[in-house]
Every structure is written in structure tokens, then in C-alpha cells.
Amino acid sequence: MNSLKNSCINYDEKTLHEIFHENTALSKENIGVFSHYIGTAMESGNVKMIKDYKNFSNYERIDISNYCNRGIDEVKLVDVLLNRRSCRSFNGDSIPFNDFATILKYSCCASYKKDGFYFFTYPISGGIDSLYFIIIVNNVEGLDSGIYIFNSIDCELILLSQGFEYTEYEKITASFSLSENSCFSIHIMANTEIKCFKYQDRGYRFLNLEAGHVAQSLCLVAEGVEVGSVASGGFLDLDFLDFLKSRNIKDSFFDNGILLYEIFFGKYDF
């Protein structure tokens, strides 16, 4: 226990994660207050359920909704679950555009719309879609290298900044060795403002859960089209945001933005 105390941030004899967990835990005693604030948030009319991409109307957009690996329908879920492994070494070969599109389409897209509400391929707490997918493309056939954001509503890529060098990964991740020879990477961000307005500080828990749901789907679909993947916790939170700004990606879209996850994808190096 002493080693845990020494390795973690401490305040008043408790670790930071203990303090956060205790103060966001639900009980029969506080569930009424929690529910009250949820109701107040919804009644305010300020809870925006779905994000939009209007701020990027002048950016180059690439519709991927009609592209797909046709063999994906024959892939058995049980086989994908049993065969999934983290791939820590890629061979540098390119990934077909159809495989790239399939991974995004089946993992982090709106699957249908009903009564004005969008439903996604991943669970969303309270129907509030607060995740953003920044995609760095290095070696995907038919797609320029660069930094994109994925519009999960319309299933399209939006080019934010052209070009990317592998060495630039050193600026945004401590897991540089995992990024070598990757074909693309996905960096899952979240906007805390709306989710935490409704669910208070517990909303931060929900955002991490949702990022995990999407990451699992991304890795499983990638396995289904024979693309290797490896998730990393070595992302450099603030450096990543600074890197986007250095690329002149400065938009209110990223206000209150936090980085939750990074995943690298490429061809297996057997």
C-alpha cells in the first residue's frame, strides 16, 4: 500500500483516484440529488444530444459510406473475439481504402435515425454523443497523408491538415515504438461540457466507458478485415492538443476537449 501511495497523487491521506471515485459514487442517499440535476439539465434545453460539423463546411470532405470490405459479412464474431491480439509491430505495407472505411463504418458511425434521434454502433450514455475521432493517416491506399476528423453522423472524413511524418508521433505519444510503420491511428477525444452538465462529475466516468466501447469495436472490426491494432495509454494529453493547434487546427469545436484513447493500426509483421 505504501508503494501505491508513493506512486499516485495524494491529498489528505488519500490518492486522487480514491477521492474521485468516492465523490462520484452513487448511493441510495445521493441518487435523488443526482437525478434532480439530470432533470434540471434536460429542462434547461441546453443539452445538445448530437454534435454537428458545421464549423468545417469549408474543409475537404470524403464520403466513405459506400465503401466496404465485401468479405466482412462472412466474418464470424466468435472467430474475431478469439483471434484478437494486440499487434505491437507492423510491416509497413499499406491498407486498402475499403478495409479502412469498413473499420470506421462499423465501429463509430450512426447506424440509423428514428424519431429525430441518431443511434450509433456503440453505447452512448443518455444519447449524448460527445466523442470525437481524430484520425492520422500515414499509409492508406487512395487517401492522402494527413490529419482528419471523422464525421460519425454522415460517415465522412474531414481533412483538417495535410501531410504527416512518422517522426511527428514523438510529439504526441510516449508509445512511439507502437506507432512505427502504422498505416493510421485513431485518437478518441471527448467534449466534457454537455455530458458533465447532465451527469455532473460522473459524466467523466461515462466518457471513458464510451471510449472503451468504441476502441473495442475498432480493434474487433480491424481483426475482421485482417488489420492489426494496438491500443495505447501512452498518449500525451496536452501535447496532443498543442500539436493540433500547431497545425492551425484551432476551433471552438475542441473547447473543453480531452484526449481519452489512442489506437494504432497496420498490417501484421509476422
Protein backbone atom coordinates (compact mmCIF):
# COMPACT_ATOMS: atom_id res chain seq x y z
CA MET A 1 0.00 0.00 0.00
CA ASN A 2 2.90 2.35 0.72
CA SER A 3 4.19 1.95 -2.84
CA LEU A 4 0.72 2.82 -4.17
CA LYS A 5 0.63 5.95 -2.06
CA ASN A 6 4.06 6.95 -3.28
CA SER A 7 3.28 6.43 -6.96
CA CYS A 8 -0.05 8.28 -7.03
CA ILE A 9 -1.12 11.87 -6.44
CA ASN A 10 -2.17 12.19 -2.81
CA TYR A 11 -4.36 14.63 -0.97
CA ASP A 12 -5.24 14.45 2.71
CA GLU A 13 -4.03 10.84 3.08
CA LYS A 14 -5.97 9.61 0.05
CA THR A 15 -4.98 9.03 -3.55
CA LEU A 16 -6.56 11.17 -6.23
CA HIS A 17 -8.35 8.22 -7.83
CA GLU A 18 -9.84 7.25 -4.45
CA ILE A 19 -11.11 10.78 -3.94
CA PHE A 20 -12.62 10.92 -7.42
CA HIS A 21 -14.25 7.51 -7.09
CA GLU A 22 -15.73 8.27 -3.68
CA ASN A 23 -17.06 11.64 -4.75
CA THR A 24 -18.69 10.33 -7.93
CA ALA A 25 -20.07 7.13 -6.40
CA LEU A 26 -23.85 6.71 -6.37
CA SER A 27 -25.78 5.53 -3.33
CA LYS A 28 -29.37 5.40 -2.15
CA GLU A 29 -28.61 8.56 -0.19
CA ASN A 30 -27.45 10.70 -3.12
CA ILE A 31 -29.28 9.24 -6.12
CA GLY A 32 -32.09 11.76 -5.62
CA VAL A 33 -29.73 14.72 -5.95
CA PHE A 34 -28.03 13.10 -8.95
CA SER A 35 -31.40 12.57 -10.67
CA HIS A 36 -32.52 16.09 -9.82
CA TYR A 37 -29.57 17.64 -11.64
CA ILE A 38 -30.16 15.38 -14.63
CA GLY A 39 -33.75 16.60 -14.83
CA THR A 40 -32.69 20.22 -14.40
CA ALA A 41 -30.15 19.88 -17.20
CA MET A 42 -32.72 18.41 -19.58
CA GLU A 43 -35.32 21.04 -18.73
CA SER A 44 -32.82 23.82 -19.41
CA GLY A 45 -32.83 22.99 -23.11
CA ASN A 46 -29.05 23.34 -23.17
CA VAL A 47 -28.27 19.65 -23.59
CA LYS A 48 -27.18 19.16 -27.17
CA MET A 49 -27.65 15.49 -27.96
CA ILE A 50 -25.72 15.32 -31.22
CA LYS A 51 -22.62 17.24 -32.26
CA ASP A 52 -22.51 18.87 -35.67
CA TYR A 53 -19.70 19.64 -38.07
CA LYS A 54 -20.94 22.93 -39.50
CA ASN A 55 -17.72 24.67 -38.49
CA PHE A 56 -15.93 22.52 -41.04
CA SER A 57 -18.17 23.30 -44.01
CA ASN A 58 -15.23 24.74 -45.99
CA TYR A 59 -12.95 21.75 -45.44
CA GLU A 60 -12.40 18.90 -47.88
CA ARG A 61 -14.78 16.03 -47.12
CA ILE A 62 -14.62 12.40 -48.19
CA ASP A 63 -17.77 10.26 -48.03
CA ILE A 64 -16.88 6.68 -47.06
CA SER A 65 -20.41 5.36 -46.53
CA ASN A 66 -20.42 3.37 -49.78
CA TYR A 67 -17.02 1.73 -49.30
CA CYS A 68 -16.67 -1.61 -47.56
CA ASN A 69 -14.72 -4.84 -47.46
CA ARG A 70 -17.31 -7.16 -49.01
CA GLY A 71 -15.96 -10.13 -47.10
CA ILE A 72 -16.87 -8.63 -43.73
CA ASP A 73 -20.35 -10.20 -43.91
CA GLU A 74 -18.76 -13.65 -43.85
CA VAL A 75 -16.66 -12.99 -40.75
CA LYS A 76 -17.88 -14.79 -37.63
CA LEU A 77 -17.97 -12.75 -34.44
CA VAL A 78 -16.75 -15.64 -32.31
CA ASP A 79 -13.68 -16.05 -34.53
CA VAL A 80 -12.85 -12.36 -34.25
CA LEU A 81 -13.21 -12.44 -30.47
CA LEU A 82 -10.95 -15.47 -30.12
CA ASN A 83 -8.31 -14.31 -32.60
CA ARG A 84 -7.93 -10.69 -31.49
CA ARG A 85 -4.44 -9.85 -30.31
CA SER A 86 -2.56 -6.61 -29.81
CA CYS A 87 -0.18 -6.09 -32.72
CA ARG A 88 2.98 -4.37 -31.48
CA SER A 89 4.86 -4.49 -34.77
CA PHE A 90 3.64 -3.52 -38.25
CA ASN A 91 5.32 -4.43 -41.55
CA GLY A 92 4.85 -1.10 -43.32
CA ASP A 93 2.50 -2.38 -46.05
CA SER A 94 -0.44 -0.15 -46.95
CA ILE A 95 -4.05 -0.82 -46.01
CA PRO A 96 -6.73 -0.91 -48.75
CA PHE A 97 -9.15 2.01 -48.54
CA ASN A 98 -12.12 -0.39 -48.31
CA ASP A 99 -10.66 -2.00 -45.18
CA PHE A 100 -10.01 1.41 -43.63
CA ALA A 101 -13.59 2.50 -44.39
CA THR A 102 -15.01 -0.73 -43.00
CA ILE A 103 -13.24 -0.26 -39.67
CA LEU A 104 -14.71 3.22 -39.25
CA LYS A 105 -18.15 2.46 -40.66
CA TYR A 106 -18.89 -0.48 -38.39
CA SER A 107 -17.19 0.83 -35.25
CA CYS A 108 -18.03 4.50 -34.80
CA CYS A 109 -20.85 5.54 -37.12
CA ALA A 110 -24.52 6.38 -36.75
CA SER A 111 -26.31 3.20 -37.79
CA TYR A 112 -29.81 4.65 -38.19
CA LYS A 113 -32.12 7.50 -37.26
CA LYS A 114 -35.56 7.22 -35.69
CA ASP A 115 -37.93 9.93 -34.50
CA GLY A 116 -35.20 12.52 -34.83
CA PHE A 117 -32.70 10.54 -32.76
CA TYR A 118 -29.48 9.00 -34.05
CA PHE A 119 -28.42 5.55 -32.95
CA PHE A 120 -24.76 4.57 -33.08
CA THR A 121 -22.80 1.35 -33.31
CA TYR A 122 -21.53 1.98 -29.78
CA PRO A 123 -23.40 2.66 -26.50
CA ILE A 124 -23.85 6.32 -25.55
CA SER A 125 -24.95 7.46 -22.11
CA GLY A 126 -28.14 9.46 -22.27
CA GLY A 127 -27.98 9.65 -26.06
CA ILE A 128 -25.44 12.49 -25.78
CA ASP A 129 -22.78 11.97 -28.44
CA SER A 130 -19.67 13.66 -27.05
CA LEU A 131 -16.83 11.65 -28.63
CA TYR A 132 -14.64 12.93 -31.46
CA PHE A 133 -12.39 10.81 -33.63
CA ILE A 134 -9.17 12.38 -34.84
CA ILE A 135 -7.55 10.14 -37.45
CA ILE A 136 -3.93 10.45 -38.51
CA VAL A 137 -3.42 8.77 -41.89
CA ASN A 138 0.02 7.56 -42.95
CA ASN A 139 -0.37 4.73 -45.43
CA VAL A 140 -3.93 4.08 -46.63
CA GLU A 141 -4.36 3.37 -50.33
CA GLY A 142 -6.06 6.22 -52.19
CA LEU A 143 -6.05 8.56 -49.19
CA ASP A 144 -3.65 11.45 -48.68
CA SER A 145 -1.50 11.50 -45.59
CA GLY A 146 -2.78 13.99 -43.05
CA ILE A 147 -4.94 14.67 -40.02
CA TYR A 148 -8.67 14.10 -40.33
CA ILE A 149 -11.71 14.26 -38.12
CA PHE A 150 -14.40 11.63 -38.67
CA ASN A 151 -17.98 12.84 -39.01
CA SER A 152 -19.76 9.90 -37.41
CA ILE A 153 -23.19 11.25 -38.36
CA ASP A 154 -22.67 11.37 -42.12
CA CYS A 155 -19.88 8.77 -42.25
CA GLU A 156 -17.35 11.07 -43.84
CA LEU A 157 -13.77 12.17 -43.31
CA ILE A 158 -12.95 15.86 -42.97
CA LEU A 159 -9.37 16.81 -43.80
CA LEU A 160 -8.05 19.16 -41.11
CA SER A 161 -4.40 19.33 -42.12
CA GLN A 162 -2.45 17.79 -44.99
CA GLY A 163 0.63 15.64 -44.51
CA PHE A 164 2.09 13.79 -41.54
CA GLU A 165 5.55 12.36 -40.85
CA TYR A 166 6.09 9.31 -38.62
CA THR A 167 8.57 11.28 -36.53
CA GLU A 168 5.74 13.62 -35.52
CA TYR A 169 4.30 10.84 -33.37
CA GLU A 170 7.12 11.60 -30.93
CA LYS A 171 5.33 14.89 -30.22
CA ILE A 172 2.03 13.29 -29.23
CA THR A 173 2.69 9.86 -27.72
CA ALA A 174 5.11 8.17 -25.36
CA SER A 175 4.34 4.93 -27.23
CA PHE A 176 6.35 5.90 -30.29
CA SER A 177 7.57 2.34 -30.87
CA LEU A 178 3.97 1.19 -31.35
CA SER A 179 3.36 3.85 -33.99
CA GLU A 180 6.24 2.81 -36.25
CA ASN A 181 5.05 1.58 -39.67
CA SER A 182 1.41 2.06 -38.68
CA CYS A 183 -0.98 2.88 -41.51
CA PHE A 184 -3.20 5.13 -39.43
CA SER A 185 -4.05 5.95 -35.85
CA ILE A 186 -7.28 6.97 -34.16
CA HIS A 187 -7.24 9.40 -31.24
CA ILE A 188 -10.51 9.46 -29.33
CA MET A 189 -11.35 12.81 -27.80
CA ALA A 190 -14.33 13.95 -25.77
CA ASN A 191 -16.01 17.23 -25.00
CA THR A 192 -16.89 17.22 -21.31
CA GLU A 193 -19.18 20.25 -21.31
CA ILE A 194 -22.55 18.70 -22.19
CA LYS A 195 -22.02 15.23 -20.74
CA CYS A 196 -20.89 16.59 -17.38
CA PHE A 197 -23.58 19.28 -17.41
CA LYS A 198 -26.15 16.48 -17.35
CA TYR A 199 -24.32 13.82 -15.33
CA GLN A 200 -22.09 16.08 -13.22
CA ASP A 201 -18.59 14.74 -12.47
CA ARG A 202 -19.81 11.18 -13.01
CA GLY A 203 -20.06 12.11 -16.68
CA TYR A 204 -16.27 11.80 -16.89
CA ARG A 205 -16.63 8.14 -15.99
CA PHE A 206 -19.18 7.69 -18.76
CA LEU A 207 -16.91 9.28 -21.36
CA ASN A 208 -14.10 6.86 -20.52
CA LEU A 209 -16.51 3.94 -20.71
CA GLU A 210 -17.77 5.06 -24.12
CA ALA A 211 -14.24 5.49 -25.44
CA GLY A 212 -13.53 1.93 -24.32
CA HIS A 213 -16.64 0.62 -26.09
CA VAL A 214 -15.57 2.24 -29.35
CA ALA A 215 -11.95 1.12 -29.00
CA GLN A 216 -13.05 -2.49 -28.56
CA SER A 217 -15.22 -2.30 -31.67
CA LEU A 218 -12.40 -0.71 -33.68
CA CYS A 219 -9.99 -3.49 -32.72
CA LEU A 220 -12.52 -6.25 -33.42
CA VAL A 221 -13.56 -4.94 -36.83
CA ALA A 222 -9.90 -4.41 -37.69
CA GLU A 223 -9.26 -8.06 -36.85
CA GLY A 224 -12.20 -8.97 -39.08
CA VAL A 225 -10.51 -7.39 -42.11
CA GLU A 226 -7.07 -8.71 -41.13
CA VAL A 227 -5.68 -5.40 -39.95
CA GLY A 228 -3.57 -5.35 -36.81
CA SER A 229 -4.25 -2.91 -33.98
CA VAL A 230 -2.77 -1.93 -30.66
CA ALA A 231 -4.31 0.35 -28.03
CA SER A 232 -2.06 2.64 -26.05
CA GLY A 233 -2.33 4.55 -22.80
CA GLY A 234 0.84 6.50 -23.52
CA PHE A 235 -0.85 9.43 -25.25
CA LEU A 236 0.47 12.85 -24.26
CA ASP A 237 -2.74 14.64 -23.35
CA LEU A 238 -1.83 18.31 -23.51
CA ASP A 239 0.91 17.85 -26.10
CA PHE A 240 -1.65 16.35 -28.46
CA LEU A 241 -3.88 19.41 -28.14
CA ASP A 242 -0.87 21.68 -28.64
CA PHE A 243 0.08 19.68 -31.73
CA LEU A 244 -3.36 20.25 -33.25
CA LYS A 245 -3.00 23.97 -32.59
CA SER A 246 0.45 23.97 -34.18
CA ARG A 247 -1.19 22.60 -37.32
CA ASN A 248 -3.57 25.57 -37.22
CA ILE A 249 -6.40 23.30 -36.08
CA LYS A 250 -7.86 25.90 -33.76
CA ASP A 251 -11.60 25.74 -33.45
CA SER A 252 -14.23 26.11 -30.75
CA PHE A 253 -15.05 22.53 -31.71
CA PHE A 254 -12.23 21.46 -29.40
CA ASP A 255 -13.14 23.68 -26.46
CA ASN A 256 -13.31 21.58 -23.29
CA GLY A 257 -11.72 18.77 -25.29
CA ILE A 258 -9.81 15.99 -23.57
CA LEU A 259 -7.90 13.05 -25.03
CA LEU A 260 -9.05 9.61 -23.84
CA TYR A 261 -7.51 6.98 -26.09
CA GLU A 262 -5.12 6.24 -28.94
CA ILE A 263 -5.03 3.17 -31.19
CA PHE A 264 -2.55 2.34 -33.96
CA PHE A 265 -3.44 0.22 -36.99
CA GLY A 266 -1.34 -1.51 -39.62
CA LYS A 267 -0.52 -4.76 -41.38
CA TYR A 268 0.76 -7.56 -39.18
CA ASP A 269 4.50 -8.11 -39.11
CA PHE A 270 4.62 -11.91 -38.82
